[in-house]
C-alpha atoms as a PDB file:
ATOM      1  CA  MET A   1       0.000   0.000   0.000  1.00  0.00           C
ATOM      2  CA  ARG A   2       1.404   3.377  -1.055  1.00  0.00           C
ATOM      3  CA  ALA A   3       1.905   6.146   1.474  1.00  0.00           C
ATOM      4  CA  ARG A   4      -0.534   9.036   1.405  1.00  0.00           C
ATOM      5  CA  VAL A   5       0.393  12.052  -0.700  1.00  0.00           C
ATOM      6  CA  TYR A   6      -0.065  15.547   0.703  1.00  0.00           C
ATOM      7  CA  LEU A   7      -1.058  18.147  -1.920  1.00  0.00           C
ATOM      8  CA  ASP A   8      -2.523  20.811   0.370  1.00  0.00           C
ATOM      9  CA  TRP A   9       0.525  22.951   1.191  1.00  0.00           C
ATOM     10  CA  ASN A  10      -1.449  26.201   0.925  1.00  0.00           C
ATOM     11  CA  ALA A  11      -3.625  25.098   3.838  1.00  0.00           C
ATOM     12  CA  THR A  12      -0.581  24.327   5.952  1.00  0.00           C
ATOM     13  CA  ALA A  13       2.952  23.315   5.069  1.00  0.00           C
ATOM     14  CA  PRO A  14       4.621  20.373   6.827  1.00  0.00           C
ATOM     15  CA  LEU A  15       6.667  21.438   9.845  1.00  0.00           C
ATOM     16  CA  ARG A  16      10.295  21.979   8.858  1.00  0.00           C
ATOM     17  CA  ALA A  17      13.049  20.100  10.661  1.00  0.00           C
ATOM     18  CA  GLU A  18      14.734  23.422  11.451  1.00  0.00           C
ATOM     19  CA  ALA A  19      11.567  24.722  13.111  1.00  0.00           C
ATOM     20  CA  ARG A  20      11.094  21.547  15.137  1.00  0.00           C
ATOM     21  CA  ALA A  21      14.695  21.684  16.401  1.00  0.00           C
ATOM     22  CA  ALA A  22      14.402  25.370  17.338  1.00  0.00           C
ATOM     23  CA  MET A  23      11.161  24.756  19.218  1.00  0.00           C
ATOM     24  CA  ILE A  24      12.547  21.815  21.162  1.00  0.00           C
ATOM     25  CA  SER A  25      15.552  23.895  22.182  1.00  0.00           C
ATOM     26  CA  ALA A  26      13.324  26.842  23.183  1.00  0.00           C
ATOM     27  CA  MET A  27      11.289  24.609  25.483  1.00  0.00           C
ATOM     28  CA  ASP A  28      14.262  24.458  27.825  1.00  0.00           C
ATOM     29  CA  VAL A  29      14.468  28.242  28.147  1.00  0.00           C
ATOM     30  CA  VAL A  30      12.646  29.045  31.379  1.00  0.00           C
ATOM     31  CA  GLY A  31      12.753  32.834  31.473  1.00  0.00           C
ATOM     32  CA  ASN A  32      10.074  35.365  30.608  1.00  0.00           C
ATOM     33  CA  PRO A  33      11.258  37.649  27.754  1.00  0.00           C
ATOM     34  CA  SER A  34      10.180  40.705  29.748  1.00  0.00           C
ATOM     35  CA  SER A  35      12.329  39.821  32.774  1.00  0.00           C
ATOM     36  CA  VAL A  36      15.674  41.564  33.183  1.00  0.00           C
ATOM     37  CA  HIS A  37      17.584  38.707  34.825  1.00  0.00           C
ATOM     38  CA  ALA A  38      19.786  36.262  32.924  1.00  0.00           C
ATOM     39  CA  GLU A  39      16.998  33.778  32.293  1.00  0.00           C
ATOM     40  CA  GLY A  40      14.747  36.526  30.968  1.00  0.00           C
ATOM     41  CA  ARG A  41      17.505  37.857  28.739  1.00  0.00           C
ATOM     42  CA  ALA A  42      18.020  34.368  27.310  1.00  0.00           C
ATOM     43  CA  ALA A  43      14.325  34.192  26.409  1.00  0.00           C
ATOM     44  CA  ARG A  44      14.463  37.716  24.943  1.00  0.00           C
ATOM     45  CA  ALA A  45      17.451  36.698  22.820  1.00  0.00           C
ATOM     46  CA  LEU A  46      15.381  33.911  21.229  1.00  0.00           C
ATOM     47  CA  VAL A  47      12.576  36.320  20.387  1.00  0.00           C
ATOM     48  CA  GLU A  48      14.927  38.900  18.889  1.00  0.00           C
ATOM     49  CA  LYS A  49      16.783  36.291  16.867  1.00  0.00           C
ATOM     50  CA  ALA A  50      13.485  35.144  15.387  1.00  0.00           C
ATOM     51  CA  ARG A  51      12.463  38.749  14.746  1.00  0.00           C
ATOM     52  CA  ALA A  52      15.599  39.254  12.672  1.00  0.00           C
ATOM     53  CA  GLN A  53      15.033  35.975  10.807  1.00  0.00           C
ATOM     54  CA  VAL A  54      11.457  36.901   9.895  1.00  0.00           C
ATOM     55  CA  ALA A  55      12.510  40.408   8.887  1.00  0.00           C
ATOM     56  CA  ALA A  56      15.147  39.022   6.533  1.00  0.00           C
ATOM     57  CA  ALA A  57      12.607  36.714   4.869  1.00  0.00           C
ATOM     58  CA  VAL A  58       9.963  39.438   4.512  1.00  0.00           C
ATOM     59  CA  GLY A  59      12.328  42.241   3.540  1.00  0.00           C
ATOM     60  CA  CYS A  60      11.708  44.641   6.409  1.00  0.00           C
ATOM     61  CA  LYS A  61      13.479  45.986   9.483  1.00  0.00           C
ATOM     62  CA  PRO A  62      13.451  43.789  12.609  1.00  0.00           C
ATOM     63  CA  ALA A  63      11.764  46.613  14.549  1.00  0.00           C
ATOM     64  CA  GLU A  64       8.862  46.464  12.075  1.00  0.00           C
ATOM     65  CA  VAL A  65       7.997  42.859  13.031  1.00  0.00           C
ATOM     66  CA  VAL A  66       5.336  42.375  15.722  1.00  0.00           C
ATOM     67  CA  PHE A  67       4.658  38.763  16.713  1.00  0.00           C
ATOM     68  CA  THR A  68       1.015  37.670  16.970  1.00  0.00           C
ATOM     69  CA  SER A  69      -0.976  34.455  17.271  1.00  0.00           C
ATOM     70  CA  GLY A  70      -1.307  34.323  13.476  1.00  0.00           C
ATOM     71  CA  ALA A  71      -2.311  36.261  10.382  1.00  0.00           C
ATOM     72  CA  THR A  72      -5.963  36.566  11.418  1.00  0.00           C
ATOM     73  CA  GLU A  73      -5.074  38.436  14.604  1.00  0.00           C
ATOM     74  CA  ALA A  74      -2.521  40.519  12.715  1.00  0.00           C
ATOM     75  CA  ALA A  75      -5.052  41.509  10.035  1.00  0.00           C
ATOM     76  CA  ALA A  76      -7.639  42.489  12.635  1.00  0.00           C
ATOM     77  CA  VAL A  77      -5.635  45.637  13.294  1.00  0.00           C
ATOM     78  CA  LEU A  78      -6.889  47.036   9.971  1.00  0.00           C
ATOM     79  CA  GLY A  79     -10.160  47.699  11.739  1.00  0.00           C
ATOM     80  CA  ARG A  80      -8.350  49.690  14.423  1.00  0.00           C
ATOM     81  CA  LEU A  81      -6.329  52.105  12.315  1.00  0.00           C
ATOM     82  CA  PRO A  82      -6.755  55.789  13.139  1.00  0.00           C
ATOM     83  CA  VAL A  83      -8.603  56.296   9.813  1.00  0.00           C
ATOM     84  CA  GLY A  84     -11.577  54.484  11.370  1.00  0.00           C
ATOM     85  CA  CYS A  85     -11.640  51.511   8.999  1.00  0.00           C
ATOM     86  CA  VAL A  86     -13.939  48.804  10.396  1.00  0.00           C
ATOM     87  CA  GLU A  87     -15.031  45.232   9.832  1.00  0.00           C
ATOM     88  CA  VAL A  88     -12.584  44.169   7.144  1.00  0.00           C
ATOM     89  CA  ASP A  89     -12.545  40.411   6.525  1.00  0.00           C
ATOM     90  CA  PRO A  90      -9.474  39.643   8.668  1.00  0.00           C
ATOM     91  CA  THR A  91      -8.055  36.901   6.474  1.00  0.00           C
ATOM     92  CA  ALA A  92      -8.532  38.551   3.056  1.00  0.00           C
ATOM     93  CA  HIS A  93      -8.805  35.012   1.654  1.00  0.00           C
ATOM     94  CA  ASP A  94     -12.378  35.135   0.399  1.00  0.00           C
ATOM     95  CA  CYS A  95     -12.029  38.275  -1.675  1.00  0.00           C
ATOM     96  CA  LEU A  96      -9.384  39.884  -3.820  1.00  0.00           C
ATOM     97  CA  TRP A  97      -9.465  43.047  -1.750  1.00  0.00           C
ATOM     98  CA  SER A  98     -11.433  44.900   0.880  1.00  0.00           C
ATOM     99  CA  GLN A  99     -11.983  48.602   1.287  1.00  0.00           C
ATOM    100  CA  ARG A 100     -13.698  50.399   4.134  1.00  0.00           C
ATOM    101  CA  ARG A 101     -14.518  54.049   4.788  1.00  0.00           C
ATOM    102  CA  ASP A 102     -15.267  55.817   8.016  1.00  0.00           C
ATOM    103  CA  GLY A 103     -17.955  58.486   8.462  1.00  0.00           C
ATOM    104  CA  GLU A 104     -15.708  61.149   6.958  1.00  0.00           C
ATOM    105  CA  GLY A 105     -14.929  59.118   3.849  1.00  0.00           C
ATOM    106  CA  ARG A 106     -11.387  58.132   4.811  1.00  0.00           C
ATOM    107  CA  ARG A 107     -10.296  54.732   3.600  1.00  0.00           C
ATOM    108  CA  ALA A 108      -8.077  51.784   4.398  1.00  0.00           C
ATOM    109  CA  ILE A 109      -7.401  48.870   2.072  1.00  0.00           C
ATOM    110  CA  GLY A 110      -6.632  45.202   2.751  1.00  0.00           C
ATOM    111  CA  TRP A 111      -5.219  43.387  -0.271  1.00  0.00           C
ATOM    112  CA  GLY A 112      -4.450  39.713  -0.859  1.00  0.00           C
ATOM    113  CA  TYR A 113      -1.075  39.756  -2.648  1.00  0.00           C
ATOM    114  CA  ALA A 114      -1.233  36.072  -3.600  1.00  0.00           C
ATOM    115  CA  ASN A 115      -4.589  34.309  -3.481  1.00  0.00           C
ATOM    116  CA  ASN A 116      -4.522  31.016  -1.635  1.00  0.00           C
ATOM    117  CA  GLU A 117      -7.226  29.323  -3.764  1.00  0.00           C
ATOM    118  CA  THR A 118      -5.992  30.207  -7.257  1.00  0.00           C
ATOM    119  CA  GLY A 119      -2.384  31.165  -6.643  1.00  0.00           C
ATOM    120  CA  VAL A 120      -2.944  34.341  -8.668  1.00  0.00           C
ATOM    121  CA  ILE A 121      -0.578  37.173  -7.762  1.00  0.00           C
ATOM    122  CA  SER A 122      -1.937  40.667  -8.224  1.00  0.00           C
ATOM    123  CA  GLU A 123      -0.745  44.192  -7.557  1.00  0.00           C
ATOM    124  CA  ALA A 124      -2.668  46.357  -5.116  1.00  0.00           C
ATOM    125  CA  PRO A 125      -5.021  48.973  -6.542  1.00  0.00           C
ATOM    126  CA  ASP A 126      -4.122  52.628  -6.867  1.00  0.00           C
ATOM    127  CA  ARG A 127      -4.918  54.607  -3.765  1.00  0.00           C
ATOM    128  CA  ALA A 128      -4.998  58.194  -2.750  1.00  0.00           C
ATOM    129  CA  ALA A 129      -2.288  59.702  -0.602  1.00  0.00           C
ATOM    130  CA  GLY A 130      -2.745  58.872   3.052  1.00  0.00           C
ATOM    131  CA  VAL A 131      -4.806  55.728   2.440  1.00  0.00           C
ATOM    132  CA  PRO A 132      -3.176  52.883   4.442  1.00  0.00           C
ATOM    133  CA  LEU A 133      -2.598  49.561   2.677  1.00  0.00           C
ATOM    134  CA  MET A 134      -2.285  46.183   4.370  1.00  0.00           C
ATOM    135  CA  LEU A 135      -0.917  43.307   2.287  1.00  0.00           C
ATOM    136  CA  ASP A 136      -1.811  39.695   2.996  1.00  0.00           C
ATOM    137  CA  ILE A 137       1.485  38.004   2.077  1.00  0.00           C
ATOM    138  CA  VAL A 138       0.686  34.761   3.883  1.00  0.00           C
ATOM    139  CA  GLN A 139       1.030  32.624   0.751  1.00  0.00           C
ATOM    140  CA  ALA A 140       3.905  34.572  -0.795  1.00  0.00           C
ATOM    141  CA  VAL A 141       6.548  34.313   1.924  1.00  0.00           C
ATOM    142  CA  GLY A 142       9.143  31.716   1.028  1.00  0.00           C
ATOM    143  CA  LYS A 143       7.551  30.907  -2.357  1.00  0.00           C
ATOM    144  CA  VAL A 144       8.124  34.029  -4.430  1.00  0.00           C
ATOM    145  CA  PRO A 145      10.515  36.976  -4.085  1.00  0.00           C
ATOM    146  CA  PHE A 146       8.970  39.723  -1.964  1.00  0.00           C
ATOM    147  CA  SER A 147      10.233  42.695  -0.023  1.00  0.00           C
ATOM    148  CA  PHE A 148       8.072  44.745   2.300  1.00  0.00           C
ATOM    149  CA  ALA A 149      10.565  47.585   1.924  1.00  0.00           C
ATOM    150  CA  TRP A 150       9.671  48.129  -1.745  1.00  0.00           C
ATOM    151  CA  SER A 151       6.029  47.063  -1.548  1.00  0.00           C
ATOM    152  CA  GLY A 152       4.724  50.510  -0.667  1.00  0.00           C
ATOM    153  CA  ALA A 153       2.383  49.036   1.946  1.00  0.00           C
ATOM    154  CA  GLU A 154       2.060  50.347   5.470  1.00  0.00           C
ATOM    155  CA  LEU A 155       1.306  46.902   6.939  1.00  0.00           C
ATOM    156  CA  ALA A 156       1.506  43.230   6.055  1.00  0.00           C
ATOM    157  CA  VAL A 157       0.431  39.964   7.674  1.00  0.00           C
ATOM    158  CA  VAL A 158       2.379  36.708   7.874  1.00  0.00           C
ATOM    159  CA  SER A 159       1.552  33.220   9.189  1.00  0.00           C
ATOM    160  CA  ALA A 160       4.263  30.762  10.234  1.00  0.00           C
ATOM    161  CA  HIS A 161       2.542  27.514   9.308  1.00  0.00           C
ATOM    162  CA  LYS A 162       2.310  28.499   5.640  1.00  0.00           C
ATOM    163  CA  PHE A 163       6.092  28.230   5.219  1.00  0.00           C
ATOM    164  CA  GLY A 164       6.866  25.313   7.509  1.00  0.00           C
ATOM    165  CA  GLY A 165       6.659  26.911  10.930  1.00  0.00           C
ATOM    166  CA  PRO A 166       4.269  25.953  13.730  1.00  0.00           C
ATOM    167  CA  LYS A 167       0.563  26.762  13.767  1.00  0.00           C
ATOM    168  CA  GLY A 168      -0.698  29.502  16.056  1.00  0.00           C
ATOM    169  CA  VAL A 169       2.020  32.094  15.502  1.00  0.00           C
ATOM    170  CA  GLY A 170       2.374  34.867  12.945  1.00  0.00           C
ATOM    171  CA  ALA A 171       3.414  38.465  12.577  1.00  0.00           C
ATOM    172  CA  LEU A 172       2.138  41.910  11.745  1.00  0.00           C
ATOM    173  CA  ILE A 173       4.633  44.001   9.800  1.00  0.00           C
ATOM    174  CA  ILE A 174       4.242  47.707  10.555  1.00  0.00           C
ATOM    175  CA  ARG A 175       6.223  50.278   8.603  1.00  0.00           C
ATOM    176  CA  ASP A 176       8.199  52.760  10.687  1.00  0.00           C
ATOM    177  CA  GLY A 177       6.080  55.779  11.540  1.00  0.00           C
ATOM    178  CA  VAL A 178       2.695  54.055  11.169  1.00  0.00           C
ATOM    179  CA  GLU A 179       0.588  54.217  14.293  1.00  0.00           C
ATOM    180  CA  ILE A 180      -1.963  51.573  15.280  1.00  0.00           C
ATOM    181  CA  VAL A 181      -4.409  51.158  18.139  1.00  0.00           C
ATOM    182  CA  SER A 182      -3.514  47.892  19.858  1.00  0.00           C
ATOM    183  CA  ALA A 183      -6.357  45.443  20.310  1.00  0.00           C
ATOM    184  CA  LEU A 184      -4.524  43.846  23.255  1.00  0.00           C
ATOM    185  CA  THR A 185      -3.349  46.071  26.067  1.00  0.00           C
ATOM    186  CA  GLY A 186      -1.665  45.239  29.328  1.00  0.00           C
ATOM    187  CA  GLY A 187       1.994  44.462  29.729  1.00  0.00           C
ATOM    188  CA  GLY A 188       3.267  46.483  26.787  1.00  0.00           C
ATOM    189  CA  GLN A 189       5.041  43.600  25.059  1.00  0.00           C
ATOM    190  CA  GLU A 190       6.040  43.780  21.376  1.00  0.00           C
ATOM    191  CA  MET A 191       6.902  47.486  21.625  1.00  0.00           C
ATOM    192  CA  GLY A 192       3.479  48.197  23.081  1.00  0.00           C
ATOM    193  CA  ARG A 193       1.694  46.908  20.000  1.00  0.00           C
ATOM    194  CA  ARG A 194       0.607  43.464  21.177  1.00  0.00           C
ATOM    195  CA  ALA A 195       0.377  42.803  24.886  1.00  0.00           C
ATOM    196  CA  GLY A 196       0.800  39.332  26.333  1.00  0.00           C
ATOM    197  CA  THR A 197       3.837  37.205  27.106  1.00  0.00           C
ATOM    198  CA  GLU A 198       5.464  36.138  23.861  1.00  0.00           C
ATOM    199  CA  ASN A 199       5.075  32.537  22.734  1.00  0.00           C
ATOM    200  CA  ILE A 200       8.820  31.965  22.580  1.00  0.00           C
ATOM    201  CA  VAL A 201       8.527  28.316  21.483  1.00  0.00           C
ATOM    202  CA  GLY A 202       6.304  29.196  18.532  1.00  0.00           C
ATOM    203  CA  ILE A 203       8.285  32.330  17.728  1.00  0.00           C
ATOM    204  CA  ALA A 204      11.575  30.403  17.709  1.00  0.00           C
ATOM    205  CA  GLY A 205      10.013  27.874  15.312  1.00  0.00           C
ATOM    206  CA  MET A 206       8.712  30.647  13.077  1.00  0.00           C
ATOM    207  CA  GLY A 207      12.102  32.317  12.887  1.00  0.00           C
ATOM    208  CA  ALA A 208      13.907  29.105  12.011  1.00  0.00           C
ATOM    209  CA  ALA A 209      11.281  28.250   9.391  1.00  0.00           C
ATOM    210  CA  ALA A 210      11.502  31.742   7.854  1.00  0.00           C
ATOM    211  CA  GLU A 211      15.270  31.486   7.540  1.00  0.00           C
ATOM    212  CA  ALA A 212      15.069  28.013   5.988  1.00  0.00           C
ATOM    213  CA  ALA A 213      12.291  29.093   3.608  1.00  0.00           C
ATOM    214  CA  GLN A 214      14.279  32.085   2.387  1.00  0.00           C
ATOM    215  CA  ARG A 215      17.367  29.947   1.884  1.00  0.00           C
ATOM    216  CA  GLU A 216      15.285  27.457  -0.111  1.00  0.00           C
ATOM    217  CA  LEU A 217      13.777  30.211  -2.256  1.00  0.00           C
ATOM    218  CA  GLU A 218      17.172  31.684  -3.075  1.00  0.00           C
ATOM    219  CA  ALA A 219      18.448  28.217  -4.022  1.00  0.00           C
ATOM    220  CA  GLY A 220      15.743  27.898  -6.695  1.00  0.00           C
ATOM    221  CA  VAL A 221      13.891  25.006  -5.066  1.00  0.00           C
ATOM    222  CA  TRP A 222      10.496  26.470  -5.985  1.00  0.00           C
ATOM    223  CA  ASP A 223      11.462  26.586  -9.665  1.00  0.00           C
ATOM    224  CA  GLU A 224      11.365  22.787  -9.630  1.00  0.00           C
ATOM    225  CA  VAL A 225       8.033  22.871  -7.786  1.00  0.00           C
ATOM    226  CA  ALA A 226       6.661  25.112 -10.557  1.00  0.00           C
ATOM    227  CA  GLU A 227       7.947  22.670 -13.179  1.00  0.00           C
ATOM    228  CA  PHE A 228       6.112  19.763 -11.546  1.00  0.00           C
ATOM    229  CA  ARG A 229       2.960  21.872 -11.131  1.00  0.00           C
ATOM    230  CA  ASN A 230       3.072  22.611 -14.851  1.00  0.00           C
ATOM    231  CA  ILE A 231       3.554  18.921 -15.662  1.00  0.00           C
ATOM    232  CA  LEU A 232       0.520  18.092 -13.536  1.00  0.00           C
ATOM    233  CA  GLU A 233      -1.508  20.866 -15.159  1.00  0.00           C
ATOM    234  CA  THR A 234      -0.656  19.618 -18.648  1.00  0.00           C
ATOM    235  CA  ALA A 235      -1.461  16.012 -17.785  1.00  0.00           C
ATOM    236  CA  LEU A 236      -4.870  16.899 -16.370  1.00  0.00           C
ATOM    237  CA  SER A 237      -5.876  19.286 -19.154  1.00  0.00           C
ATOM    238  CA  SER A 238      -4.707  16.848 -21.829  1.00  0.00           C
ATOM    239  CA  GLY A 239      -6.662  13.964 -20.322  1.00  0.00           C
ATOM    240  CA  ALA A 240      -9.795  16.047 -19.641  1.00  0.00           C
ATOM    241  CA  LYS A 241      -9.994  18.824 -22.212  1.00  0.00           C
ATOM    242  CA  ASP A 242     -13.104  20.449 -20.732  1.00  0.00           C
ATOM    243  CA  THR A 243     -11.331  21.307 -17.477  1.00  0.00           C
ATOM    244  CA  ILE A 244     -10.402  24.904 -16.706  1.00  0.00           C
ATOM    245  CA  SER A 245      -7.069  25.852 -15.138  1.00  0.00           C
ATOM    246  CA  VAL A 246      -7.737  29.102 -13.300  1.00  0.00           C
ATOM    247  CA  GLY A 247      -5.090  31.785 -13.732  1.00  0.00           C
ATOM    248  CA  LYS A 248      -3.023  29.863 -16.275  1.00  0.00           C
ATOM    249  CA  GLY A 249      -0.745  32.131 -18.244  1.00  0.00           C
ATOM    250  CA  GLY A 250      -0.707  34.859 -15.617  1.00  0.00           C
ATOM    251  CA  PRO A 251       1.464  35.444 -12.554  1.00  0.00           C
ATOM    252  CA  ARG A 252       0.814  32.687 -10.023  1.00  0.00           C
ATOM    253  CA  LEU A 253       2.408  31.050  -7.042  1.00  0.00           C
ATOM    254  CA  PRO A 254       4.770  28.340  -8.297  1.00  0.00           C
ATOM    255  CA  ASN A 255       2.994  25.532  -6.481  1.00  0.00           C
ATOM    256  CA  THR A 256      -0.717  26.191  -6.967  1.00  0.00           C
ATOM    257  CA  LEU A 257      -3.202  24.735  -9.459  1.00  0.00           C
ATOM    258  CA  CYS A 258      -6.892  25.598  -9.218  1.00  0.00           C
ATOM    259  CA  LEU A 259      -8.771  23.212 -11.492  1.00  0.00           C
ATOM    260  CA  ILE A 260     -12.443  23.394 -12.450  1.00  0.00           C
ATOM    261  CA  ALA A 261     -13.928  20.061 -13.550  1.00  0.00           C
ATOM    262  CA  PRO A 262     -17.371  20.695 -15.097  1.00  0.00           C
ATOM    263  CA  GLY A 263     -19.893  18.168 -13.845  1.00  0.00           C
ATOM    264  CA  TRP A 264     -17.979  17.100 -10.741  1.00  0.00           C
ATOM    265  CA  LYS A 265     -18.507  18.919  -7.451  1.00  0.00           C
ATOM    266  CA  GLY A 266     -15.401  20.116  -5.689  1.00  0.00           C
ATOM    267  CA  GLU A 267     -16.229  18.537  -2.332  1.00  0.00           C
ATOM    268  CA  THR A 268     -16.932  15.225  -4.095  1.00  0.00           C
ATOM    269  CA  GLN A 269     -13.540  15.411  -5.759  1.00  0.00           C
ATOM    270  CA  VAL A 270     -11.886  15.995  -2.389  1.00  0.00           C
ATOM    271  CA  MET A 271     -13.582  12.936  -0.878  1.00  0.00           C
ATOM    272  CA  ALA A 272     -12.772  10.717  -3.864  1.00  0.00           C
ATOM    273  CA  MET A 273      -9.105  11.674  -3.853  1.00  0.00           C
ATOM    274  CA  ASP A 274      -8.904  11.344  -0.074  1.00  0.00           C
ATOM    275  CA  LEU A 275     -10.094   7.739  -0.373  1.00  0.00           C
ATOM    276  CA  ALA A 276      -7.481   7.234  -3.092  1.00  0.00           C
ATOM    277  CA  GLY A 277      -4.731   8.475  -0.760  1.00  0.00           C
ATOM    278  CA  TYR A 278      -4.362  12.128  -1.766  1.00  0.00           C
ATOM    279  CA  ALA A 279      -4.989  15.204   0.376  1.00  0.00           C
ATOM    280  CA  VAL A 280      -6.358  18.061  -1.730  1.00  0.00           C
ATOM    281  CA  SER A 281      -8.689  20.978  -1.045  1.00  0.00           C
ATOM    282  CA  ALA A 282     -11.885  22.460  -2.441  1.00  0.00           C
ATOM    283  CA  GLY A 283     -10.734  25.962  -1.510  1.00  0.00           C
ATOM    284  CA  SER A 284      -9.527  27.954   1.440  1.00  0.00           C
ATOM    285  CA  ALA A 285      -8.877  26.003   4.625  1.00  0.00           C
ATOM    286  CA  CYS A 286     -10.661  28.851   6.423  1.00  0.00           C
ATOM    287  CA  SER A 287     -13.861  27.737   4.686  1.00  0.00           C
ATOM    288  CA  SER A 288     -13.474  23.961   5.014  1.00  0.00           C
ATOM    289  CA  GLY A 289     -16.685  22.215   5.968  1.00  0.00           C
ATOM    290  CA  LYS A 290     -18.761  24.870   4.238  1.00  0.00           C
ATOM    291  CA  VAL A 291     -20.379  23.507   1.089  1.00  0.00           C
ATOM    292  CA  ARG A 292     -20.553  26.592  -1.074  1.00  0.00           C
ATOM    293  CA  ALA A 293     -19.215  27.930  -4.329  1.00  0.00           C
ATOM    294  CA  SER A 294     -15.920  29.785  -4.125  1.00  0.00           C
ATOM    295  CA  ARG A 295     -16.472  33.516  -3.768  1.00  0.00           C
ATOM    296  CA  VAL A 296     -13.012  34.092  -5.231  1.00  0.00           C
ATOM    297  CA  LEU A 297     -13.931  32.277  -8.457  1.00  0.00           C
ATOM    298  CA  GLN A 298     -17.279  34.019  -8.621  1.00  0.00           C
ATOM    299  CA  ALA A 299     -15.498  37.362  -8.261  1.00  0.00           C
ATOM    300  CA  MET A 300     -13.301  36.312 -11.196  1.00  0.00           C
ATOM    301  CA  GLY A 301     -16.393  35.809 -13.377  1.00  0.00           C
ATOM    302  CA  TYR A 302     -17.111  32.087 -13.069  1.00  0.00           C
ATOM    303  CA  ASP A 303     -20.739  31.176 -12.530  1.00  0.00           C
ATOM    304  CA  THR A 304     -21.937  29.447  -9.372  1.00  0.00           C
ATOM    305  CA  ALA A 305     -21.944  25.983 -10.952  1.00  0.00           C
ATOM    306  CA  LEU A 306     -18.350  26.198 -12.179  1.00  0.00           C
ATOM    307  CA  ALA A 307     -17.180  27.879  -8.981  1.00  0.00           C
ATOM    308  CA  SER A 308     -18.507  24.886  -7.009  1.00  0.00           C
ATOM    309  CA  GLN A 309     -16.655  22.400  -9.238  1.00  0.00           C
ATOM    310  CA  ALA A 310     -13.118  23.496  -8.428  1.00  0.00           C
ATOM    311  CA  ILE A 311     -10.336  21.944  -6.402  1.00  0.00           C
ATOM    312  CA  ARG A 312      -7.034  23.379  -5.319  1.00  0.00           C
ATOM    313  CA  LEU A 313      -3.826  21.383  -5.648  1.00  0.00           C
ATOM    314  CA  SER A 314      -0.856  22.927  -3.854  1.00  0.00           C
ATOM    315  CA  LEU A 315       2.553  21.285  -4.012  1.00  0.00           C
ATOM    316  CA  GLY A 316       5.762  21.747  -2.093  1.00  0.00           C
ATOM    317  CA  PRO A 317       9.408  20.697  -2.187  1.00  0.00           C
ATOM    318  CA  GLY A 318       9.748  16.929  -2.128  1.00  0.00           C
ATOM    319  CA  VAL A 319       6.640  16.253  -4.232  1.00  0.00           C
ATOM    320  CA  GLU A 320       8.251  14.427  -7.138  1.00  0.00           C
ATOM    321  CA  LYS A 321       7.335  14.126 -10.817  1.00  0.00           C
ATOM    322  CA  ASP A 322       6.207  10.506 -10.554  1.00  0.00           C
ATOM    323  CA  VAL A 323       3.864  11.476  -7.713  1.00  0.00           C
ATOM    324  CA  VAL A 324       2.104  14.196  -9.701  1.00  0.00           C
ATOM    325  CA  LEU A 325       1.772  11.931 -12.732  1.00  0.00           C
ATOM    326  CA  ARG A 326       0.311   9.172 -10.573  1.00  0.00           C
ATOM    327  CA  PHE A 327      -2.126  11.683  -9.112  1.00  0.00           C
ATOM    328  CA  ALA A 328      -3.123  12.765 -12.626  1.00  0.00           C
ATOM    329  CA  ASP A 329      -3.867   9.175 -13.641  1.00  0.00           C
ATOM    330  CA  THR A 330      -5.936   8.593 -10.501  1.00  0.00           C
ATOM    331  CA  TRP A 331      -7.866  11.851 -10.815  1.00  0.00           C
ATOM    332  CA  LEU A 332      -8.630  11.320 -14.500  1.00  0.00           C
ATOM    333  CA  ALA A 333      -9.945   7.826 -13.831  1.00  0.00           C
ATOM    334  CA  GLN A 334     -12.186   9.165 -11.054  1.00  0.00           C
ATOM    335  CA  TYR A 335     -13.395  12.022 -13.252  1.00  0.00           C
ATOM    336  CA  ARG A 336     -14.436   9.663 -16.026  1.00  0.00           C
ATOM    337  CA  LYS A 337     -16.375   7.577 -13.512  1.00  0.00           C
ATOM    338  CA  ALA A 338     -18.093  10.704 -12.180  1.00  0.00           C
ATOM    339  CA  LEU A 339     -19.147  11.763 -15.670  1.00  0.00           C
ATOM    340  CA  ASP A 340     -20.372   8.246 -16.482  1.00  0.00           C
ATOM    341  CA  ARG A 341     -22.516   8.236 -13.356  1.00  0.00           C
ATOM    342  CA  ALA A 342     -23.972  11.620 -14.267  1.00  0.00           C
ATOM    343  CA  ALA A 343     -24.766  10.605 -17.857  1.00  0.00           C
END
């Protein structure tokens, strides 16, 4: 019996060995990072090392990195900016962008730089002077070149488990000079921007994962991932010519394939492939368990029927050519059966 194949890296990437080792080591550090004694300074050193590692991977200054419990918490700050922006979808996964105005017409924008369902990479819209921009770069970090320094954004959100770090830790990147109203007040940790004792185990894992991910990106590892994604895409479209590969030909993440199979529901595809030994997704992990058409695909112009017949395949380093070709054969056989049953 063959081992299961994991093709859902956009939902969460496997924990990197470097992150696991850093977390195990951090578990032995007893001090509180806010304490001034030797044990506290040792804990603080771990946090600041990770801050520098994340900053290097994101292309910002270490002082611009604020650790959080994840991207959702980090994005929630968009509703607390001084411009009065409120109720922005905190994950920015279900829409291409969000814009909110306060009573005086001032705006703030949250923009998904790389969409997790389709892999499509898109530039933020034009904005007037003084309009703050928050980039969701959750899917981009470690997969494509990116630098917060040249992005023009005031804020960005990052999640560790998307690039091989642990779940439950992330970061808000805040450009120097930008003021926010902290949602969590108390001890004044994270430069007064996020109160609460830092999760040094998770933060250490995030830093190690960020460093490893950046090293991997610079080594060209994701170029091979893109090659195998393209091989998979060609095999599926050649064997089932009525399928639609969303975003093909445009800028996309190197690992992502969003495939619409007319006549075969996305959630049914997920179940069929799960039984066959493959983990795939019908869309954002934030929406798992919700049987509905993808709002992202509908926003791109696909009708409700087609938007409900899509799956997302997301690869990562270590997924080999023979694996993607075997998946293609299995999926095509299942698709033909589904169409025969519907006939």
